[in-house]
């Protein structure tokens, strides 16, 4: 079979067949009387093998090694092909993600496209300074690729850069709360923690629903960060978690500060005091926990807190008793609790 017929039947161009011949990869068995290449059945089978191997991503040199090399190892070849294919898929996926983010930014013209591309490149820079400058450069009057900012803040290890990214997210418009809430279910604890902290950094009127949902999250660290954020927003759903944080010594100072803010209203103050007091059941809290609870009660007005502090002035642990006496001296008695406050100061004098 002459080269033209082989090209027609195989779909491989005559030029490529001549190239295979030059490389020694596929040499026709014979020549016609006029000197033209003639391909036999074995040649066509070898051509089929060449094209099959090329379809797997092998170079012509690698195809030759597979067909003729004495040390051919099929398992090693397949493993190498799998590795290269995964790398290629990862690169294509990254490109697709970048293109999608450029589209999500809704560029109006060429300048917007170039600006978005530059921002994405800077956010992926190995330099923390460049990443921080990129985050701070997000302008309020231009759409920002929210997905890119969320991904950046979830992977950012540098606190200063993370702070700039949170600022940028707060200016990036809608979409951030939903994406960050989705990240709360990420397999990595660090990613979940960064997600809830980014939610907490959004403006007060934003992400409240997501933070409320996070109070029931299975990750204790997520629940605690959500409670601190909600407490700072004045939302009383955070009270149980904040009280537990005080008792357990987990960021207890911030938790106590949040409780004191929430205790500005009398009904809430009594609820907080009752919950803190409930943590003092016999055998339920060691001396360090009782000291923390006494300190937290300092910012909670009302008769329940005063009575509990008065009881703590007689605590078996001297440190707890001293703390309770000191806290009582700082408290201004609310109307109707002068007796409790006076009793507390009398206990302190004893």
Protein backbone atom coordinates (compact mmCIF):
# COMPACT_ATOMS: atom_id res chain seq x y z
CA UNK A 1 0.00 0.00 0.00
CA UNK A 2 1.45 3.33 -1.06
CA UNK A 3 1.80 6.28 1.32
CA UNK A 4 -1.18 8.17 -0.12
CA UNK A 5 -3.50 5.25 0.46
CA UNK A 6 -2.16 4.74 4.01
CA UNK A 7 -2.75 8.42 4.76
CA UNK A 8 -6.29 8.24 3.41
CA UNK A 9 -7.23 5.14 5.39
CA UNK A 10 -5.45 6.00 8.66
CA UNK A 11 -6.07 9.72 8.86
CA UNK A 12 -2.34 10.32 9.39
CA UNK A 13 -1.00 12.79 6.87
CA UNK A 14 1.62 11.76 4.33
CA UNK A 15 3.88 14.41 5.78
CA UNK A 16 3.64 12.85 9.27
CA UNK A 17 4.25 9.38 7.81
CA UNK A 18 7.45 10.65 6.20
CA UNK A 19 8.40 12.19 9.56
CA UNK A 20 7.88 8.82 11.27
CA UNK A 21 10.14 7.26 8.64
CA UNK A 22 12.85 9.87 9.22
CA UNK A 23 12.76 9.20 12.97
CA UNK A 24 12.94 5.46 12.42
CA UNK A 25 9.63 5.07 14.15
CA UNK A 26 7.74 3.59 11.17
CA UNK A 27 9.80 2.49 8.18
CA UNK A 28 7.83 0.97 5.33
CA UNK A 29 8.70 -2.62 4.59
CA UNK A 30 9.38 -2.11 0.89
CA UNK A 31 9.59 0.13 -2.13
CA UNK A 32 7.66 0.05 -5.34
CA UNK A 33 9.36 -0.33 -8.71
CA UNK A 34 9.23 3.45 -9.01
CA UNK A 35 10.86 3.88 -5.58
CA UNK A 36 7.73 4.81 -3.66
CA UNK A 37 7.22 3.68 -0.05
CA UNK A 38 5.09 0.58 0.29
CA UNK A 39 3.49 -0.35 3.60
CA UNK A 40 2.72 -3.94 4.54
CA UNK A 41 0.15 -5.22 7.04
CA UNK A 42 2.68 -5.23 9.90
CA UNK A 43 3.51 -1.60 9.10
CA UNK A 44 -0.13 -0.64 9.39
CA UNK A 45 -0.43 -2.43 12.73
CA UNK A 46 2.64 -0.56 14.00
CA UNK A 47 1.07 2.71 12.81
CA UNK A 48 -2.06 1.87 14.78
CA UNK A 49 0.09 1.24 17.87
CA UNK A 50 1.93 4.54 17.38
CA UNK A 51 -1.29 6.54 17.15
CA UNK A 52 -2.82 4.72 20.11
CA UNK A 53 0.16 5.52 22.31
CA UNK A 54 0.19 9.14 21.16
CA UNK A 55 -3.46 9.42 22.20
CA UNK A 56 -2.30 8.72 25.78
CA UNK A 57 -0.11 11.80 25.71
CA UNK A 58 3.25 10.18 24.93
CA UNK A 59 5.83 12.01 22.87
CA UNK A 60 7.22 10.37 19.74
CA UNK A 61 10.43 9.60 21.61
CA UNK A 62 8.46 7.87 24.35
CA UNK A 63 6.42 5.96 21.76
CA UNK A 64 9.65 4.64 20.28
CA UNK A 65 10.87 3.55 23.70
CA UNK A 66 7.63 1.69 24.37
CA UNK A 67 7.69 -0.11 21.01
CA UNK A 68 11.41 -0.83 20.77
CA UNK A 69 13.07 -0.16 24.11
CA UNK A 70 14.51 -3.24 25.84
CA UNK A 71 13.78 -1.99 29.36
CA UNK A 72 10.16 -0.98 28.90
CA UNK A 73 8.23 -1.02 32.22
CA UNK A 74 4.46 -0.73 31.66
CA UNK A 75 3.62 0.04 35.31
CA UNK A 76 6.12 2.91 35.48
CA UNK A 77 4.80 4.32 32.21
CA UNK A 78 1.18 4.24 33.41
CA UNK A 79 2.10 5.83 36.75
CA UNK A 80 3.96 8.61 34.95
CA UNK A 81 1.04 9.20 32.59
CA UNK A 82 -1.37 9.42 35.53
CA UNK A 83 0.86 11.97 37.27
CA UNK A 84 1.17 14.14 34.17
CA UNK A 85 -2.54 13.93 33.46
CA UNK A 86 -3.37 15.06 36.99
CA UNK A 87 -0.98 17.99 36.65
CA UNK A 88 -2.56 18.95 33.35
CA UNK A 89 -6.08 18.72 34.81
CA UNK A 90 -5.02 20.83 37.80
CA UNK A 91 -3.58 23.49 35.50
CA UNK A 92 -6.70 23.51 33.32
CA UNK A 93 -8.94 23.66 36.40
CA UNK A 94 -6.98 26.62 37.73
CA UNK A 95 -7.34 28.37 34.38
CA UNK A 96 -11.07 27.65 34.31
CA UNK A 97 -11.45 29.02 37.83
CA UNK A 98 -9.56 32.17 36.91
CA UNK A 99 -11.69 32.72 33.82
CA UNK A 100 -14.89 32.19 35.82
CA UNK A 101 -13.77 34.75 38.37
CA UNK A 102 -12.97 37.27 35.69
CA UNK A 103 -16.47 36.75 34.30
CA UNK A 104 -18.03 37.06 37.76
CA UNK A 105 -16.41 40.48 38.15
CA UNK A 106 -18.50 41.59 35.13
CA UNK A 107 -15.73 43.55 33.41
CA UNK A 108 -17.08 46.40 31.32
CA UNK A 109 -14.08 46.86 29.07
CA UNK A 110 -10.52 45.79 28.38
CA UNK A 111 -9.18 47.80 31.29
CA UNK A 112 -11.48 45.98 33.73
CA UNK A 113 -10.34 42.60 32.39
CA UNK A 114 -6.67 43.51 32.76
CA UNK A 115 -7.27 44.95 36.22
CA UNK A 116 -9.00 41.78 37.40
CA UNK A 117 -6.28 39.56 35.94
CA UNK A 118 -3.62 41.62 37.72
CA UNK A 119 -5.52 41.38 41.01
CA UNK A 120 -5.78 37.59 40.74
CA UNK A 121 -2.07 37.32 40.02
CA UNK A 122 -1.17 39.49 43.00
CA UNK A 123 -3.47 37.58 45.34
CA UNK A 124 -1.58 34.43 44.38
CA UNK A 125 1.85 35.98 44.87
CA UNK A 126 4.30 34.28 47.27
CA UNK A 127 5.07 37.73 48.72
CA UNK A 128 2.87 38.71 51.73
CA UNK A 129 3.46 42.40 50.99
CA UNK A 130 2.17 42.03 47.44
CA UNK A 131 -0.87 40.08 48.61
CA UNK A 132 -1.63 42.74 51.20
CA UNK A 133 -1.27 45.59 48.69
CA UNK A 134 -3.56 43.74 46.28
CA UNK A 135 -6.25 43.36 48.95
CA UNK A 136 -6.02 47.01 49.94
CA UNK A 137 -6.27 48.06 46.30
CA UNK A 138 -9.78 46.65 45.92
CA UNK A 139 -11.86 49.68 45.02
CA UNK A 140 -15.37 50.24 46.29
CA UNK A 141 -16.62 51.49 42.92
CA UNK A 142 -15.56 48.41 40.93
CA UNK A 143 -16.88 44.85 41.22
CA UNK A 144 -14.37 42.56 42.89
CA UNK A 145 -14.02 38.81 42.32
CA UNK A 146 -15.61 37.72 45.59
CA UNK A 147 -14.73 34.05 45.08
CA UNK A 148 -11.06 34.94 44.71
CA UNK A 149 -11.10 37.07 47.86
CA UNK A 150 -12.82 34.31 49.84
CA UNK A 151 -10.34 31.71 48.66
CA UNK A 152 -7.47 34.04 49.50
CA UNK A 153 -8.68 34.75 53.03
CA UNK A 154 -9.28 31.05 53.68
CA UNK A 155 -5.70 30.20 52.71
CA UNK A 156 -3.91 33.24 54.14
CA UNK A 157 -1.51 32.46 57.02
CA UNK A 158 -0.27 36.03 57.61
CA UNK A 159 -2.50 37.98 60.08
CA UNK A 160 -1.86 41.38 58.48
CA UNK A 161 -2.69 40.11 55.01
CA UNK A 162 -5.76 38.28 56.34
CA UNK A 163 -6.94 41.54 57.91
CA UNK A 164 -6.60 43.36 54.59
CA UNK A 165 -8.49 40.60 52.81
CA UNK A 166 -11.33 40.77 55.34
CA UNK A 167 -11.51 44.52 54.75
CA UNK A 168 -11.66 43.88 51.01
CA UNK A 169 -14.42 41.29 51.48
CA UNK A 170 -16.47 43.80 53.46
CA UNK A 171 -16.32 46.10 50.41
CA UNK A 172 -16.83 43.41 47.79
CA UNK A 173 -20.62 43.30 47.88
CA UNK A 174 -22.95 40.31 48.06
CA UNK A 175 -21.82 36.72 47.95
CA UNK A 176 -19.18 36.61 50.67
CA UNK A 177 -21.43 35.36 53.53
CA UNK A 178 -22.74 32.44 51.47
CA UNK A 179 -19.27 31.36 50.33
CA UNK A 180 -17.79 31.71 53.81
CA UNK A 181 -20.68 29.75 55.34
CA UNK A 182 -20.01 26.98 52.85
CA UNK A 183 -16.37 26.95 53.96
CA UNK A 184 -17.51 26.22 57.53
CA UNK A 185 -17.97 22.63 56.34
CA UNK A 186 -14.43 22.38 54.96
CA UNK A 187 -12.47 19.31 56.11
CA UNK A 188 -9.64 21.40 57.58
CA UNK A 189 -10.08 22.96 61.03
CA UNK A 190 -7.86 25.90 60.07
CA UNK A 191 -10.03 26.70 57.06
CA UNK A 192 -13.21 26.53 59.16
CA UNK A 193 -11.69 28.87 61.74
CA UNK A 194 -10.65 31.38 59.10
CA UNK A 195 -14.12 31.23 57.57
CA UNK A 196 -15.96 32.07 60.77
CA UNK A 197 -13.47 34.82 61.62
CA UNK A 198 -13.99 36.32 58.17
CA UNK A 199 -17.76 36.20 58.71
CA UNK A 200 -17.25 37.99 62.02
CA UNK A 201 -15.32 40.75 60.27
CA UNK A 202 -18.17 41.58 57.89
CA UNK A 203 -20.36 44.62 58.73
CA UNK A 204 -22.85 44.27 61.58
CA UNK A 205 -25.91 43.93 59.36
CA UNK A 206 -24.22 41.24 57.25
CA UNK A 207 -23.72 37.53 57.98
CA UNK A 208 -25.91 37.45 61.10
CA UNK A 209 -27.82 34.43 59.80
CA UNK A 210 -24.61 32.56 59.02
CA UNK A 211 -23.14 33.35 62.43
CA UNK A 212 -26.32 32.27 64.21
CA UNK A 213 -26.21 28.98 62.32
CA UNK A 214 -22.56 28.59 63.33
CA UNK A 215 -23.57 28.50 67.01
CA UNK A 216 -24.72 24.93 66.41
CA UNK A 217 -21.66 23.92 64.40
CA UNK A 218 -19.98 20.64 65.41
CA UNK A 219 -16.60 22.39 65.55
CA UNK A 220 -16.22 23.93 69.02
CA UNK A 221 -13.78 26.58 67.79
CA UNK A 222 -16.31 27.73 65.18
CA UNK A 223 -19.06 27.95 67.81
CA UNK A 224 -16.86 30.05 70.08
CA UNK A 225 -15.79 32.50 67.37
CA UNK A 226 -19.39 32.86 66.24
CA UNK A 227 -20.51 33.55 69.81
CA UNK A 228 -17.92 36.30 70.26
CA UNK A 229 -19.02 37.93 67.00
CA UNK A 230 -22.71 37.73 67.88
CA UNK A 231 -22.09 38.99 71.40
CA UNK A 232 -20.32 42.02 69.96
CA UNK A 233 -23.40 42.59 67.81
CA UNK A 234 -25.65 42.49 70.88
CA UNK A 235 -27.37 39.20 70.01
CA UNK A 236 -28.32 37.19 73.08
CA UNK A 237 -28.30 33.79 71.31
CA UNK A 238 -24.59 33.78 72.05
CA UNK A 239 -25.02 33.79 75.84
CA UNK A 240 -24.84 30.00 76.48
CA UNK A 241 -21.65 29.58 74.48
CA UNK A 242 -20.05 32.68 76.02
CA UNK A 243 -20.82 31.43 79.55
CA UNK A 244 -19.28 28.07 78.69
CA UNK A 245 -16.18 29.83 77.38
CA UNK A 246 -15.74 31.65 80.68
CA UNK A 247 -16.17 28.46 82.68
CA UNK A 248 -13.81 26.50 80.45
CA UNK A 249 -11.15 29.20 80.18
CA UNK A 250 -11.41 29.49 76.40
CA UNK A 251 -10.79 33.12 75.45
CA UNK A 252 -12.59 33.85 78.69
CA UNK A 253 -11.65 37.54 78.94
CA UNK A 254 -13.22 38.35 75.57
CA UNK A 255 -16.21 36.18 76.41
CA UNK A 256 -16.69 38.00 79.72
CA UNK A 257 -16.45 41.36 77.94
CA UNK A 258 -19.13 40.25 75.47
CA UNK A 259 -21.36 39.13 78.34
CA UNK A 260 -20.99 42.48 80.07
CA UNK A 261 -22.12 44.23 76.87
CA UNK A 262 -25.14 41.93 76.59
CA UNK A 263 -25.97 42.42 80.27
CA UNK A 264 -26.93 46.04 79.71
CA UNK A 265 -30.60 45.02 79.78
CA UNK A 266 -32.00 43.87 83.12
CA UNK A 267 -33.76 40.67 81.94
CA UNK A 268 -30.69 39.57 79.99
CA UNK A 269 -28.44 40.43 82.93
CA UNK A 270 -30.43 38.14 85.21
CA UNK A 271 -30.28 35.32 82.64
CA UNK A 272 -26.51 35.72 82.28
CA UNK A 273 -26.02 35.83 86.05
CA UNK A 274 -28.16 32.71 86.48
CA UNK A 275 -26.18 30.83 83.85
CA UNK A 276 -22.85 31.86 85.38
CA UNK A 277 -24.11 30.89 88.83
CA UNK A 278 -25.28 27.51 87.57
CA UNK A 279 -21.68 26.76 86.65
CA UNK A 280 -20.76 26.98 90.36
CA UNK A 281 -22.60 23.85 91.43
CA UNK A 282 -20.62 21.83 94.02
CA UNK A 283 -17.95 19.80 92.29
CA UNK A 284 -18.83 21.38 88.96
CA UNK A 285 -16.05 23.96 88.79
CA UNK A 286 -12.52 24.02 90.14
CA UNK A 287 -10.98 27.04 91.81
CA UNK A 288 -9.61 28.56 88.55
CA UNK A 289 -13.04 28.30 86.96
CA UNK A 290 -14.71 29.87 90.00
CA UNK A 291 -12.28 32.79 89.82
CA UNK A 292 -13.09 33.32 86.15
CA UNK A 293 -16.81 33.17 86.85
CA UNK A 294 -16.46 35.70 89.66
CA UNK A 295 -14.54 38.05 87.36
CA UNK A 296 -17.21 37.68 84.68
CA UNK A 297 -19.93 38.53 87.19
CA UNK A 298 -18.23 41.89 87.71
CA UNK A 299 -19.77 43.16 84.49
CA UNK A 300 -23.23 41.75 85.15
CA UNK A 301 -25.58 44.01 87.15
CA UNK A 302 -28.50 42.80 89.20
CA UNK A 303 -29.31 40.99 92.45
CA UNK A 304 -28.47 37.48 91.23
CA UNK A 305 -24.90 38.42 90.40
CA UNK A 306 -24.53 40.23 93.74
CA UNK A 307 -25.83 37.26 95.72
CA UNK A 308 -23.52 34.88 93.90
CA UNK A 309 -20.51 37.10 94.49
CA UNK A 310 -21.43 37.40 98.16
CA UNK A 311 -21.49 33.61 98.41
CA UNK A 312 -18.12 33.43 96.71
CA UNK A 313 -16.56 35.70 99.33
CA UNK A 314 -16.82 32.66 101.62
CA UNK A 315 -15.32 30.26 99.07
CA UNK A 316 -12.92 27.64 100.43
CA UNK A 317 -10.26 28.81 97.98
CA UNK A 318 -8.65 32.05 99.24
CA UNK A 319 -8.03 33.26 95.69
CA UNK A 320 -11.68 32.90 94.76
CA UNK A 321 -12.81 34.64 97.96
CA UNK A 322 -10.42 37.56 97.45
CA UNK A 323 -11.52 37.92 93.83
CA UNK A 324 -15.19 37.99 94.83
CA UNK A 325 -14.57 40.58 97.57
CA UNK A 326 -12.64 42.79 95.17
CA UNK A 327 -15.31 42.50 92.48
CA UNK A 328 -17.99 43.50 94.99
CA UNK A 329 -16.11 46.67 95.84
CA UNK A 330 -16.21 47.66 92.16
CA UNK A 331 -19.92 47.09 91.68
CA UNK A 332 -22.49 49.86 91.86
CA UNK A 333 -25.65 48.35 93.41
CA UNK A 334 -28.70 48.51 91.17
CA UNK A 335 -31.99 49.77 92.61
CA UNK A 336 -33.45 47.10 94.86
CA UNK A 337 -30.20 45.29 95.52
CA UNK A 338 -28.58 47.59 98.08
CA UNK A 339 -28.99 44.88 100.69
CA UNK A 340 -27.20 42.34 98.63
CA UNK A 341 -24.44 44.78 97.80
CA UNK A 342 -24.10 45.81 101.41
CA UNK A 343 -23.93 42.22 102.51
CA UNK A 344 -21.21 41.65 100.00
CA UNK A 345 -19.13 44.54 101.25
CA UNK A 346 -19.68 43.41 104.82
CA UNK A 347 -18.48 39.96 103.87
CA UNK A 348 -15.45 41.56 102.28
CA UNK A 349 -14.68 43.49 105.44
CA UNK A 350 -14.72 40.26 107.40
